Amino acid sequence: MAGLSARLRLDYPGTGKNKSLFGGKSPEQMAEETRQQKVSLLRNVPVQGIYIEDIDMSQEIYCVADDINGRMLAYAPVLITFSSDSIEDAIRFCMQEEFRTVEVLAPDTIELTRYDLERLLFTVGQELVEFKDFLMRRLNNWR
């Protein structure tokens, strides 16, 4: 299986801190800070099998109301153009909490052998289990 090239959109959230006597940061400021920190990590820490070609942080920060607690949440989008050695590496890179969309840029078609499909399904299953464990740890620490 040859490598692939894709564009990934991640939306980094920012929730405003409670305004104290000295003030606090707005959700938009928190989202922008989170985006800056995460992009800095992406630029400076290599990911196995992933080659970052471009990181676009020019998109506007947007706000939505949380339907559970009514607070405003801000999201700072980032478009990451990358190439990967294999489809498994691309899946591992895309499986993030902030994931929104992915666009495969190359190749136009992908032909999977039986072995490639088995590896792909195994990788997806493995990533789902790891993500579920991450969410459970987060939920247990929240209580």
Protein backbone atom coordinates (compact mmCIF):
# COMPACT_ATOMS: atom_id res chain seq x y z
CA MET A 1 0.00 0.00 0.00
CA ALA A 2 1.50 3.32 -1.08
CA GLY A 3 1.29 6.45 1.04
CA LEU A 4 -1.40 9.07 0.84
CA SER A 5 -1.84 12.81 1.09
CA ALA A 6 -4.75 14.43 2.94
CA ARG A 7 -6.08 17.63 4.48
CA LEU A 8 -7.38 17.32 8.03
CA ARG A 9 -9.51 19.84 9.91
CA LEU A 10 -9.21 19.97 13.68
CA ASP A 11 -11.31 22.38 15.78
CA TYR A 12 -9.63 23.18 19.09
CA PRO A 13 -12.12 24.17 21.83
CA GLY A 14 -11.83 27.01 24.28
CA THR A 15 -14.08 27.53 27.26
CA GLY A 16 -13.96 30.78 29.19
CA LYS A 17 -12.74 30.72 32.75
CA ASN A 18 -15.02 32.09 35.44
CA LYS A 19 -14.56 35.81 35.64
CA SER A 20 -12.89 36.53 38.95
CA LEU A 21 -11.92 39.80 40.54
CA PHE A 22 -9.04 40.19 38.10
CA GLY A 23 -11.04 39.08 35.06
CA GLY A 24 -10.67 36.00 32.97
CA LYS A 25 -10.15 34.96 29.41
CA SER A 26 -12.97 34.77 26.92
CA PRO A 27 -13.73 31.47 25.18
CA GLU A 28 -12.28 32.94 21.97
CA GLN A 29 -8.98 33.77 23.70
CA MET A 30 -8.82 30.30 25.24
CA ALA A 31 -9.51 28.66 21.86
CA GLU A 32 -6.78 30.74 20.21
CA GLU A 33 -4.28 29.84 22.95
CA THR A 34 -5.15 26.15 22.67
CA ARG A 35 -4.76 26.31 18.88
CA GLN A 36 -1.35 28.00 19.21
CA GLN A 37 -0.13 25.37 21.72
CA LYS A 38 -1.36 22.39 19.70
CA VAL A 39 0.04 23.71 16.41
CA SER A 40 3.37 24.36 18.11
CA LEU A 41 3.42 20.71 19.21
CA LEU A 42 2.54 19.54 15.69
CA ARG A 43 5.37 21.59 14.22
CA ASN A 44 8.00 20.54 16.77
CA VAL A 45 7.14 16.96 17.74
CA PRO A 46 7.38 14.37 14.95
CA VAL A 47 4.58 11.85 14.50
CA GLN A 48 5.59 8.42 13.22
CA GLY A 49 4.75 7.98 9.54
CA ILE A 50 3.30 11.52 9.18
CA TYR A 51 4.90 14.37 7.26
CA ILE A 52 3.27 17.75 7.87
CA GLU A 53 3.29 19.78 4.66
CA ASP A 54 1.23 22.82 5.69
CA ILE A 55 -0.66 24.14 8.71
CA ASP A 56 -3.32 26.80 8.04
CA MET A 57 -4.56 28.72 11.08
CA SER A 58 -6.22 31.52 9.10
CA GLN A 59 -9.80 30.37 9.66
CA GLU A 60 -12.02 32.42 11.97
CA ILE A 61 -12.76 31.29 15.51
CA TYR A 62 -16.46 30.51 15.89
CA CYS A 63 -18.73 30.24 18.95
CA VAL A 64 -21.63 27.93 19.75
CA ALA A 65 -23.79 27.54 22.85
CA ASP A 66 -23.38 24.31 24.81
CA ASP A 67 -26.84 22.72 24.91
CA ILE A 68 -26.15 21.01 28.25
CA ASN A 69 -24.96 23.86 30.46
CA GLY A 70 -25.70 26.89 28.27
CA ARG A 71 -22.12 28.23 28.28
CA MET A 72 -20.55 29.62 25.14
CA LEU A 73 -17.88 27.44 23.58
CA ALA A 74 -15.41 28.77 21.04
CA TYR A 75 -13.60 26.64 18.48
CA ALA A 76 -10.40 27.54 16.64
CA PRO A 77 -10.12 25.58 13.38
CA VAL A 78 -6.82 24.38 11.90
CA LEU A 79 -6.30 22.83 8.46
CA ILE A 80 -3.36 20.43 8.32
CA THR A 81 -2.11 19.15 4.98
CA PHE A 82 -0.04 16.01 5.48
CA SER A 83 1.26 12.92 3.78
CA SER A 84 1.61 9.55 5.42
CA ASP A 85 3.50 6.35 4.78
CA SER A 86 0.40 4.20 5.13
CA ILE A 87 -3.33 4.41 5.65
CA GLU A 88 -2.84 3.08 9.20
CA ASP A 89 -0.59 6.02 10.08
CA ALA A 90 -3.16 8.43 8.63
CA ILE A 91 -5.94 6.85 10.71
CA ARG A 92 -3.89 7.13 13.90
CA PHE A 93 -3.18 10.79 13.13
CA CYS A 94 -6.84 11.58 12.34
CA MET A 95 -8.28 9.86 15.43
CA GLN A 96 -8.27 12.90 17.70
CA GLU A 97 -11.01 14.40 19.82
CA GLU A 98 -10.80 17.63 17.82
CA PHE A 99 -11.32 15.86 14.46
CA ARG A 100 -13.94 17.44 12.17
CA THR A 101 -13.25 16.55 8.52
CA VAL A 102 -10.68 14.91 6.29
CA GLU A 103 -10.15 15.30 2.54
CA VAL A 104 -7.96 12.76 0.75
CA LEU A 105 -5.87 14.64 -1.82
CA ALA A 106 -3.95 11.72 -3.32
CA PRO A 107 -4.22 9.05 -4.59
CA ASP A 108 -7.50 9.30 -6.50
CA THR A 109 -8.22 5.63 -5.96
CA ILE A 110 -7.03 3.15 -3.38
CA GLU A 111 -6.92 -0.56 -3.94
CA LEU A 112 -6.76 -2.66 -0.80
CA THR A 113 -5.69 -6.25 -0.67
CA ARG A 114 -7.29 -8.58 1.82
CA TYR A 115 -4.25 -8.14 4.08
CA ASP A 116 -4.45 -4.31 3.79
CA LEU A 117 -8.14 -4.37 4.70
CA GLU A 118 -7.48 -6.59 7.73
CA ARG A 119 -4.74 -4.21 8.94
CA LEU A 120 -7.03 -1.23 8.35
CA LEU A 121 -9.90 -2.73 10.33
CA PHE A 122 -7.54 -3.78 13.12
CA THR A 123 -6.11 -0.24 13.32
CA VAL A 124 -9.58 1.34 13.44
CA GLY A 125 -10.66 -1.05 16.18
CA GLN A 126 -7.50 -0.41 18.17
CA GLU A 127 -7.89 3.38 17.91
CA LEU A 128 -11.55 3.21 18.96
CA VAL A 129 -10.66 1.22 22.07
CA GLU A 130 -7.89 3.69 22.97
CA PHE A 131 -10.25 6.64 22.42
CA LYS A 132 -12.95 5.01 24.55
CA ASP A 133 -10.40 4.46 27.33
CA PHE A 134 -9.34 8.11 27.06
CA LEU A 135 -12.95 9.27 27.37
CA MET A 136 -13.57 6.97 30.34
CA ARG A 137 -10.48 8.30 32.16
CA ARG A 138 -11.64 11.82 31.45
CA LEU A 139 -15.13 11.07 32.76
CA ASN A 140 -13.79 9.38 35.90
CA ASN A 141 -11.49 12.32 36.67
CA TRP A 142 -14.36 14.76 36.19
CA ARG A 143 -16.41 13.30 39.05
